[in-house]
Amino acid sequence: MSGAALGAALPPIAAKQVRLLEALAYLLEPLVEAAGAASKKDKEKTKEQGVLTLALLMRLVEAANERALQLSGSLPAAKAKAGSTVQQETAARRARQLVAGLQTEYGNDRGRAVIDLCGLVEHDRAIIDLCGLASKPEGTLAAIVEQMDRGGADVREQATVLLRNLAEHSDALNEAIGRTAAIKVLARFVAGGSKGLPRAEAATTLTALARSGRERQEAVAAAGAVPSLVKMLKADGKHAAPDDSAAAALCLCSLMAHHAEITALVLAQGGLPPLARMVLPLVASATQLPAANGAPAALQALHKVLQDECASQTWPSEAAAVAAVRRLASAFPSGGAQGISLELLRRIVALADSTEKGATHAVASLLVRAAR
C-alpha cells in the first residue's frame, strides 16, 4: 500500500489542537520562507511543499480557534429547539404563499416573492421547515436560481442570501441546490460577472455549499471559481471591497479541506502568500500564547516574511482576531481541516531530511507536541 493510500485509510493521529500551535508556527516558518524563494528548477518539490504549507496553515487556524475558545472559557452554545409561536405561524403562512407564487408567477412578481421570502428566512430560519419548503424544494429552488441569474440587482442579491440560508439549513437542501445551476451562476458572480452584486455574498454562499463535502467542493472548482477567489483574496486598494478578501479566504478554506487537488490548484493560482498574510496576524492576536513559548515570535517572523518591505506591519485587536479565526474555522466541513495523517507525516519527514533552514527543529517540535 502506498503512503498516500495508507494515510487515507487510517484515522488522524490523536493530538490536542492547542499543543500544536507553537509547533505548527515553527514548522511553517521554513516552509513559507521556501515558498517565498521557490526554485523554478524543481517544480515538483515546490508544489509538494506548497501543498503541505497550505494544509498546515489550515491546521493552525483550527488550533488557534480551539485556543481562543479555551481562553474565553466558552464553547459555541447549542441552539435550543422550541415550539412554533403565533408570530412564526403567521410568517409561515406568508412564506407558503410566496413559495407557491414562485412556482406560478413570472417576472417582477417572482422577484418580489424572492425578496419577501428572503426577509422572512433571514429573520427566522425555522420558517424553512414550517412553510414546507424543505420537503419539496426543487421547483422553488429552480425559481430562486432563475431570479438570481436574471433578476434586477436587488433581486439577485436577495436570491443569493436566500440560497445561502437554505444551504446552511440542512444537508438535504444543500444537496438539492447543488443539483441546480446555482454554483455556475455564483462562480460567475465571484468572477465579477454581475454588476451591483457584492462578490463577498456570492463567495459566502459558495462556502456554505462547499462545506457539505467533496461533491460540492469539486463542483465549485469545476465551475472555475478558484482563480477568481484567489484574485479576490489578493485584492487591495481603493477598488477592493472591504469584505472581499475575508469572504474569499473562507471559501478557499472550505474548498481545500480534505481535498489535495483543490489545494494544489489554489497553490498554482498563487493563493498561499495572500492567505498566509491574512491568517498569521489573526492567529498571533487571537491566541495570546505566553511569550516563553516562542510561538508569537515565530508567527511574527512568518508575517514579516510575507510583508512587502515597504508595507507597515499592523496587527488586529484580540477581539477582532478571535472573531475572524472563528469564522475561518467555521468554513471547514464537519470533519475539520486535514488531519495529521501518515501521508502528512511522510511529507513532514521529507522536510526534516532536507536542508531547509530550521526544518529539523520544526519537525521535532511538532512531533513531540503531537505525542503528548
Protein backbone atom coordinates (compact mmCIF):
# COMPACT_ATOMS: atom_id res chain seq x y z
CA MET A 1 0.00 0.00 0.00
CA SER A 2 1.35 3.44 -0.91
CA GLY A 3 1.93 6.15 1.68
CA ALA A 4 -1.00 8.16 0.26
CA ALA A 5 -3.38 5.18 0.43
CA LEU A 6 -2.24 4.30 3.94
CA GLY A 7 -2.68 7.87 5.09
CA ALA A 8 -6.22 7.93 3.72
CA ALA A 9 -7.11 4.56 5.25
CA LEU A 10 -6.03 5.31 8.82
CA PRO A 11 -7.59 7.88 11.16
CA PRO A 12 -5.66 11.08 12.04
CA ILE A 13 -3.12 10.83 14.85
CA ALA A 14 -4.69 11.98 18.10
CA ALA A 15 -3.31 15.26 19.42
CA LYS A 16 -4.70 18.25 21.24
CA GLN A 17 -5.01 21.19 18.89
CA VAL A 18 -3.76 23.73 21.42
CA ARG A 19 -0.45 21.88 21.89
CA LEU A 20 0.17 22.04 18.15
CA LEU A 21 0.13 25.84 17.93
CA GLU A 22 3.77 26.52 18.69
CA ALA A 23 4.97 23.52 16.70
CA LEU A 24 2.91 24.47 13.67
CA ALA A 25 4.21 28.02 13.84
CA TYR A 26 7.83 26.84 13.86
CA LEU A 27 7.17 24.31 11.11
CA LEU A 28 5.51 26.87 8.88
CA GLU A 29 8.40 29.35 9.14
CA PRO A 30 10.87 27.44 6.91
CA LEU A 31 8.06 26.35 4.61
CA VAL A 32 6.82 29.88 3.99
CA GLU A 33 10.37 31.12 3.52
CA ALA A 34 10.91 28.35 0.97
CA ALA A 35 7.68 29.30 -0.81
CA GLY A 36 8.86 32.90 -0.99
CA ALA A 37 12.04 31.82 -2.77
CA ALA A 38 10.66 28.87 -4.75
CA SER A 39 13.00 27.21 -7.20
CA LYS A 40 11.75 27.07 -10.78
CA LYS A 41 14.04 24.10 -11.42
CA ASP A 42 12.35 21.66 -9.05
CA LYS A 43 8.66 22.34 -9.63
CA GLU A 44 7.53 19.04 -8.09
CA LYS A 45 9.30 19.77 -4.79
CA THR A 46 7.93 23.32 -4.78
CA LYS A 47 4.40 22.04 -5.35
CA GLU A 48 4.63 19.38 -2.62
CA GLN A 49 5.99 21.85 -0.07
CA GLY A 50 3.34 24.40 -1.05
CA VAL A 51 0.51 21.89 -0.57
CA LEU A 52 1.99 20.90 2.80
CA THR A 53 2.22 24.56 3.81
CA LEU A 54 -1.43 25.22 2.97
CA ALA A 55 -2.54 22.06 4.81
CA LEU A 56 -0.63 23.07 7.94
CA LEU A 57 -1.89 26.64 7.67
CA MET A 58 -5.45 25.34 7.93
CA ARG A 59 -4.47 23.14 10.89
CA LEU A 60 -3.06 26.28 12.50
CA VAL A 61 -6.44 28.00 12.09
CA GLU A 62 -8.19 25.09 13.84
CA ALA A 63 -5.67 25.05 16.66
CA ALA A 64 -5.94 28.82 17.09
CA ASN A 65 -9.73 28.58 17.17
CA GLU A 66 -9.60 25.98 19.95
CA ARG A 67 -7.09 28.11 21.85
CA ALA A 68 -9.35 31.18 21.53
CA LEU A 69 -12.33 29.19 22.82
CA GLN A 70 -10.24 27.94 25.73
CA LEU A 71 -9.18 31.48 26.63
CA SER A 72 -12.76 32.75 26.52
CA GLY A 73 -13.92 29.84 28.68
CA SER A 74 -16.84 29.20 26.40
CA LEU A 75 -17.93 26.86 23.65
CA PRO A 76 -20.49 27.63 20.95
CA ALA A 77 -23.91 27.23 22.51
CA ALA A 78 -26.25 24.68 21.01
CA LYS A 79 -29.47 26.15 19.71
CA ALA A 80 -32.47 25.01 21.68
CA LYS A 81 -35.44 23.75 19.71
CA ALA A 82 -38.72 25.31 20.69
CA GLY A 83 -42.29 25.03 19.53
CA SER A 84 -43.57 27.46 16.93
CA THR A 85 -45.06 30.75 18.11
CA VAL A 86 -48.09 32.62 16.82
CA GLN A 87 -45.74 35.02 15.02
CA GLN A 88 -43.94 32.10 13.40
CA GLU A 89 -47.20 30.55 12.22
CA THR A 90 -48.25 33.86 10.69
CA ALA A 91 -44.87 34.18 8.96
CA ALA A 92 -45.07 30.55 7.81
CA ARG A 93 -48.45 31.15 6.16
CA ARG A 94 -46.99 34.12 4.30
CA ALA A 95 -43.96 32.04 3.32
CA ARG A 96 -46.20 29.27 1.95
CA GLN A 97 -47.95 31.85 -0.24
CA LEU A 98 -44.60 33.13 -1.51
CA VAL A 99 -43.33 29.61 -2.25
CA ALA A 100 -46.49 28.88 -4.22
CA GLY A 101 -46.12 32.17 -6.06
CA LEU A 102 -42.54 31.40 -7.05
CA GLN A 103 -43.77 28.33 -8.89
CA THR A 104 -46.71 30.03 -10.67
CA GLU A 105 -45.87 33.71 -11.13
CA TYR A 106 -43.39 35.30 -13.53
CA GLY A 107 -41.17 38.37 -13.94
CA ASN A 108 -41.40 41.09 -11.32
CA ASP A 109 -43.84 39.12 -9.19
CA ARG A 110 -41.27 36.35 -8.76
CA GLY A 111 -38.61 38.91 -7.90
CA ARG A 112 -40.76 40.45 -5.17
CA ALA A 113 -41.54 36.96 -3.84
CA VAL A 114 -37.80 36.19 -3.57
CA ILE A 115 -37.14 39.43 -1.68
CA ASP A 116 -40.03 38.87 0.75
CA LEU A 117 -39.16 35.20 1.34
CA CYS A 118 -35.52 36.09 1.98
CA GLY A 119 -36.60 38.61 4.63
CA LEU A 120 -38.73 36.02 6.43
CA VAL A 121 -35.99 33.38 6.38
CA GLU A 122 -33.29 35.83 7.46
CA HIS A 123 -35.43 36.78 10.45
CA ASP A 124 -36.17 33.17 11.47
CA ARG A 125 -34.78 30.09 9.71
CA ALA A 126 -37.44 27.93 11.36
CA ILE A 127 -39.74 29.28 8.65
CA ILE A 128 -37.96 26.99 6.15
CA ASP A 129 -39.42 23.90 7.82
CA LEU A 130 -42.71 25.47 8.91
CA CYS A 131 -43.64 26.56 5.39
CA GLY A 132 -42.83 23.16 3.85
CA LEU A 133 -40.06 24.49 1.62
CA ALA A 134 -37.64 21.81 2.83
CA SER A 135 -39.91 18.90 1.88
CA LYS A 136 -40.26 19.53 -1.89
CA PRO A 137 -37.71 22.20 -2.78
CA GLU A 138 -36.96 21.51 -6.46
CA GLY A 139 -39.46 23.87 -8.12
CA THR A 140 -38.85 26.65 -5.61
CA LEU A 141 -35.07 26.39 -5.89
CA ALA A 142 -35.21 26.50 -9.69
CA ALA A 143 -37.24 29.72 -9.49
CA ILE A 144 -34.84 31.28 -6.96
CA VAL A 145 -31.80 30.41 -9.10
CA GLU A 146 -33.54 31.80 -12.18
CA GLN A 147 -34.15 35.10 -10.35
CA MET A 148 -30.56 35.13 -9.08
CA ASP A 149 -29.38 34.77 -12.65
CA ARG A 150 -31.76 37.14 -14.45
CA GLY A 151 -33.41 39.44 -11.90
CA GLY A 152 -32.54 43.01 -11.06
CA ALA A 153 -29.63 43.87 -8.77
CA ASP A 154 -31.72 43.80 -5.56
CA VAL A 155 -33.38 40.54 -6.54
CA ARG A 156 -30.04 38.88 -7.41
CA GLU A 157 -28.56 39.86 -4.06
CA GLN A 158 -31.57 38.68 -2.04
CA ALA A 159 -31.74 35.41 -4.01
CA THR A 160 -28.05 34.82 -3.22
CA VAL A 161 -28.64 35.44 0.50
CA LEU A 162 -31.71 33.19 0.46
CA LEU A 163 -29.77 30.33 -1.15
CA ARG A 164 -27.03 30.68 1.47
CA ASN A 165 -29.58 30.39 4.28
CA LEU A 166 -31.14 27.33 2.64
CA ALA A 167 -27.75 25.69 2.04
CA GLU A 168 -26.78 26.19 5.68
CA HIS A 169 -30.13 24.94 6.97
CA SER A 170 -29.81 21.25 6.05
CA ASP A 171 -27.74 18.76 4.07
CA ALA A 172 -30.79 17.84 2.00
CA LEU A 173 -31.35 21.42 0.86
CA ASN A 174 -27.62 21.85 0.26
CA GLU A 175 -27.65 18.80 -1.99
CA ALA A 176 -30.77 20.00 -3.79
CA ILE A 177 -29.18 23.38 -4.50
CA GLY A 178 -26.13 21.57 -5.85
CA ARG A 179 -28.35 19.92 -8.46
CA THR A 180 -29.41 23.33 -9.84
CA ALA A 181 -27.35 25.81 -11.86
CA ALA A 182 -26.66 27.84 -8.69
CA ILE A 183 -22.94 27.05 -8.44
CA LYS A 184 -22.25 28.11 -12.03
CA VAL A 185 -24.15 31.38 -11.55
CA LEU A 186 -22.38 32.10 -8.23
CA ALA A 187 -18.97 31.36 -9.79
CA ARG A 188 -19.77 33.94 -12.47
CA PHE A 189 -20.71 36.46 -9.79
CA VAL A 190 -17.43 35.85 -7.94
CA ALA A 191 -15.58 36.50 -11.20
CA GLY A 192 -17.27 39.91 -11.33
CA GLY A 193 -19.88 38.99 -13.91
CA SER A 194 -22.81 40.71 -12.17
CA LYS A 195 -22.83 44.47 -11.65
CA GLY A 196 -24.27 45.63 -8.36
CA LEU A 197 -23.94 42.29 -6.55
CA PRO A 198 -21.32 42.15 -3.79
CA ARG A 199 -18.87 39.40 -4.70
CA ALA A 200 -18.41 38.65 -0.99
CA GLU A 201 -22.04 37.49 -0.73
CA ALA A 202 -21.61 35.13 -3.68
CA ALA A 203 -18.39 33.73 -2.17
CA THR A 204 -20.13 33.22 1.20
CA THR A 205 -22.91 31.24 -0.48
CA LEU A 206 -20.33 29.09 -2.29
CA THR A 207 -18.70 28.47 1.11
CA ALA A 208 -22.00 27.20 2.51
CA LEU A 209 -22.33 24.81 -0.42
CA ALA A 210 -18.69 23.62 -0.34
CA ARG A 211 -18.87 22.80 3.38
CA SER A 212 -21.25 19.92 2.66
CA GLY A 213 -18.50 17.72 1.23
CA ARG A 214 -16.36 16.63 -1.65
CA GLU A 215 -19.03 16.59 -4.38
CA ARG A 216 -19.88 20.28 -3.93
CA GLN A 217 -16.22 21.20 -3.43
CA GLU A 218 -15.43 19.72 -6.82
CA ALA A 219 -18.48 21.34 -8.43
CA VAL A 220 -17.34 24.78 -7.23
CA ALA A 221 -13.82 24.17 -8.51
CA ALA A 222 -15.13 22.81 -11.83
CA ALA A 223 -17.17 26.00 -12.26
CA GLY A 224 -13.88 27.94 -12.33
CA ALA A 225 -14.32 29.74 -9.01
CA VAL A 226 -10.81 29.13 -7.60
CA PRO A 227 -8.86 31.63 -9.78
CA SER A 228 -11.49 34.30 -9.12
CA LEU A 229 -11.41 33.64 -5.37
CA VAL A 230 -7.61 33.94 -5.29
CA LYS A 231 -7.89 37.28 -7.15
CA MET A 232 -10.42 38.43 -4.54
CA LEU A 233 -8.02 37.35 -1.80
CA LYS A 234 -5.21 39.39 -3.38
CA ALA A 235 -7.40 42.45 -4.00
CA ASP A 236 -6.08 45.64 -2.46
CA GLY A 237 -6.52 49.36 -2.90
CA LYS A 238 -9.45 51.73 -3.39
CA HIS A 239 -11.31 49.46 -5.80
CA ALA A 240 -11.35 46.47 -3.42
CA ALA A 241 -14.47 45.91 -1.31
CA PRO A 242 -13.57 45.54 2.40
CA ASP A 243 -15.23 42.13 2.81
CA ASP A 244 -13.96 40.54 -0.41
CA SER A 245 -10.67 39.13 0.87
CA ALA A 246 -12.19 37.68 4.06
CA ALA A 247 -15.04 36.02 2.11
CA ALA A 248 -12.57 34.63 -0.42
CA ALA A 249 -10.37 33.21 2.36
CA LEU A 250 -13.39 31.48 3.93
CA CYS A 251 -14.40 29.94 0.63
CA LEU A 252 -10.87 28.77 -0.23
CA CYS A 253 -10.53 27.13 3.20
CA SER A 254 -13.78 25.23 2.70
CA LEU A 255 -12.68 24.12 -0.77
CA MET A 256 -9.22 22.92 0.32
CA ALA A 257 -10.35 20.94 3.39
CA HIS A 258 -9.65 17.23 2.76
CA HIS A 259 -9.01 17.94 -0.94
CA ALA A 260 -5.39 17.78 -2.10
CA GLU A 261 -6.21 18.51 -5.77
CA ILE A 262 -8.02 21.77 -4.98
CA THR A 263 -5.25 22.69 -2.54
CA ALA A 264 -2.75 22.25 -5.37
CA LEU A 265 -4.95 24.41 -7.62
CA VAL A 266 -5.05 27.20 -5.02
CA LEU A 267 -1.27 26.95 -4.77
CA ALA A 268 -0.86 27.12 -8.55
CA GLN A 269 -3.01 30.26 -8.66
CA GLY A 270 -0.72 31.97 -6.12
CA GLY A 271 -3.08 31.68 -3.17
CA LEU A 272 -0.53 30.73 -0.49
CA PRO A 273 1.12 34.14 0.21
CA PRO A 274 -2.10 36.21 0.49
CA LEU A 275 -3.84 33.54 2.58
CA ALA A 276 -0.90 33.26 4.96
CA ARG A 277 -0.61 37.06 5.07
CA MET A 278 -4.22 37.24 6.26
CA VAL A 279 -4.20 34.28 8.66
CA LEU A 280 -0.92 34.66 10.57
CA PRO A 281 -1.53 38.03 12.26
CA LEU A 282 -5.05 36.87 13.18
CA VAL A 283 -3.65 33.74 14.85
CA ALA A 284 -0.98 35.74 16.68
CA SER A 285 -3.53 38.21 18.05
CA ALA A 286 -6.20 35.65 18.90
CA THR A 287 -4.16 33.04 20.78
CA GLN A 288 -2.19 35.06 23.38
CA LEU A 289 0.35 32.28 23.81
CA PRO A 290 2.85 33.02 26.59
CA ALA A 291 5.95 34.72 25.27
CA ALA A 292 8.10 31.96 26.74
CA ASN A 293 6.69 29.51 24.22
CA GLY A 294 8.22 31.42 21.35
CA ALA A 295 5.21 30.89 19.13
CA PRO A 296 4.30 34.59 18.90
CA ALA A 297 7.86 35.34 17.75
CA ALA A 298 7.63 32.59 15.16
CA LEU A 299 4.30 33.89 13.90
CA GLN A 300 5.61 37.44 13.72
CA ALA A 301 8.64 36.19 11.81
CA LEU A 302 6.31 34.41 9.40
CA HIS A 303 4.23 37.52 8.95
CA LYS A 304 7.37 39.57 8.31
CA VAL A 305 8.47 37.14 5.59
CA LEU A 306 5.20 37.72 3.79
CA GLN A 307 5.12 41.51 4.16
CA ASP A 308 6.33 43.78 1.39
CA GLU A 309 9.40 45.68 2.53
CA CYS A 310 7.61 49.00 2.28
CA ALA A 311 4.39 47.84 3.96
CA SER A 312 3.69 48.73 7.56
CA GLN A 313 3.03 45.82 9.89
CA THR A 314 -0.37 46.06 11.57
CA TRP A 315 -1.94 43.64 14.00
CA PRO A 316 -5.70 43.32 14.59
CA SER A 317 -7.23 43.66 18.05
CA GLU A 318 -7.69 40.48 20.05
CA ALA A 319 -11.50 40.57 19.79
CA ALA A 320 -11.43 41.14 16.02
CA ALA A 321 -8.82 38.41 15.57
CA VAL A 322 -10.79 35.87 17.63
CA ALA A 323 -13.93 36.57 15.61
CA ALA A 324 -12.03 36.25 12.32
CA VAL A 325 -10.33 32.99 13.35
CA ARG A 326 -13.68 31.50 14.39
CA ARG A 327 -15.17 32.44 11.03
CA LEU A 328 -12.26 30.81 9.22
CA ALA A 329 -12.56 27.63 11.29
CA SER A 330 -16.31 27.53 10.62
CA ALA A 331 -15.60 27.27 6.89
CA PHE A 332 -14.24 23.73 7.26
CA PRO A 333 -16.63 20.82 6.70
CA SER A 334 -17.81 18.92 9.77
CA GLY A 335 -14.67 16.76 9.69
CA GLY A 336 -12.47 19.82 10.14
CA ALA A 337 -9.30 20.56 8.24
CA GLN A 338 -6.93 17.88 7.01
CA GLY A 339 -5.79 15.68 9.89
CA ILE A 340 -2.18 14.82 10.68
CA SER A 341 -2.33 11.57 8.75
CA LEU A 342 0.55 9.30 7.81
CA GLU A 343 0.65 10.96 4.40
CA LEU A 344 1.07 14.37 6.02
CA LEU A 345 3.72 12.96 8.34
CA ARG A 346 5.53 11.47 5.32
CA ARG A 347 5.83 14.95 3.85
CA ILE A 348 6.99 16.36 7.17
CA VAL A 349 9.70 13.69 7.45
CA ALA A 350 10.80 14.52 3.92
CA LEU A 351 11.15 18.12 5.03
CA ALA A 352 13.22 17.04 8.03
CA ASP A 353 15.58 15.18 5.70
CA SER A 354 16.02 18.26 3.54
CA THR A 355 18.43 21.11 4.07
CA GLU A 356 15.73 23.69 4.65
CA LYS A 357 16.53 26.23 7.36
CA GLY A 358 15.17 25.17 10.78
CA ALA A 359 13.45 22.09 9.38
CA THR A 360 14.79 19.57 11.89
CA HIS A 361 13.86 21.70 14.89
CA ALA A 362 10.40 22.42 13.47
CA VAL A 363 9.59 18.76 12.82
CA ALA A 364 10.90 17.64 16.20
CA SER A 365 8.83 20.33 17.91
CA LEU A 366 5.70 19.23 16.07
CA LEU A 367 6.11 15.51 16.76
CA VAL A 368 6.94 15.99 20.45
CA ARG A 369 3.74 18.00 20.96
CA ALA A 370 1.66 15.65 18.86
CA ALA A 371 2.68 12.76 21.07
CA ARG A 372 1.73 14.44 24.35
